[in-house]
Protein backbone atom coordinates (compact mmCIF):
# COMPACT_ATOMS: atom_id res chain seq x y z
CA MET A 1 19.94 -27.01 -13.30
CA GLN A 2 18.67 -28.61 -10.29
CA LYS A 3 15.22 -30.49 -10.44
CA THR A 4 12.45 -28.55 -7.78
CA ASN A 5 12.38 -30.15 -5.02
CA LYS A 6 8.49 -30.52 -4.66
CA ARG A 7 8.25 -30.33 -0.42
CA MET A 8 9.80 -27.34 -0.66
CA ALA A 9 7.75 -26.27 -3.52
CA LYS A 10 3.82 -26.77 -2.06
CA THR A 11 5.42 -25.44 1.35
CA PHE A 12 6.06 -21.82 0.04
CA ARG A 13 4.28 -19.44 -2.04
CA VAL A 14 5.97 -16.52 -3.57
CA THR A 15 4.02 -13.06 -3.36
CA GLY A 16 3.65 -11.00 -6.51
CA THR A 17 6.72 -8.66 -4.53
CA GLY A 18 8.84 -11.69 -4.35
CA LYS A 19 7.89 -12.13 -0.75
CA LEU A 20 8.07 -15.98 0.91
CA MET A 21 4.98 -17.06 2.91
CA ARG A 22 4.26 -20.16 4.49
CA ARG A 23 1.58 -21.40 6.64
CA LYS A 24 1.83 -21.73 10.09
CA ALA A 25 2.22 -25.55 11.63
CA GLY A 26 -0.43 -26.86 14.46
CA GLN A 27 -3.76 -25.82 12.11
CA ALA A 28 -4.40 -29.93 10.97
CA HIS A 29 -6.65 -31.51 14.40
CA PHE A 30 -7.11 -30.69 17.89
CA ASN A 31 -8.34 -27.07 16.96
CA ALA A 32 -12.01 -27.81 18.13
CA ARG A 33 -10.56 -26.52 22.25
CA GLU A 34 -8.33 -24.24 21.52
CA ASN A 35 -10.47 -20.43 22.09
CA GLY A 36 -11.32 -18.11 19.14
CA ASN A 37 -8.40 -16.01 18.49
CA THR A 38 -6.58 -18.74 18.57
CA THR A 39 -8.55 -20.20 15.47
CA LYS A 40 -8.85 -16.79 14.02
CA ASN A 41 -4.77 -16.45 14.49
CA LYS A 42 -3.57 -20.04 13.33
CA ARG A 43 -5.59 -19.07 10.19
CA ARG A 44 -2.77 -16.65 8.61
CA ASP A 45 0.26 -17.42 7.32
CA LEU A 46 3.91 -16.07 8.06
CA VAL A 47 6.30 -14.45 6.23
CA VAL A 48 9.11 -16.24 5.68
CA GLY A 49 12.70 -15.08 6.73
CA ARG A 50 16.45 -14.11 5.75
CA THR A 51 16.68 -17.94 4.09
CA SER A 52 14.33 -16.83 1.71
CA ARG A 53 17.32 -16.52 -1.85
CA ARG A 54 18.26 -20.12 -0.92
CA ILE A 55 14.70 -21.29 -1.02
CA LYS A 56 13.78 -19.72 -3.95
CA GLU A 57 16.80 -21.71 -5.41
CA VAL A 58 15.44 -25.25 -4.48
CA ILE A 59 12.26 -24.38 -5.91
CA ASN A 60 14.06 -22.79 -8.86
CA ILE A 61 12.04 -19.03 -8.65
């Protein structure tokens, strides 16, 4: 059995239906100059695409 890749395990989250979610990039700083809609959209998580089977293997799900 393969060890869990800790960076991948912290990056991705599995939903109840088995989909993988991740945060959008670029949320850490320089957010004060963004307009309100951009700031609001940055709060949303993204659903990961077709590579999810490989990612699930790496994070041992």
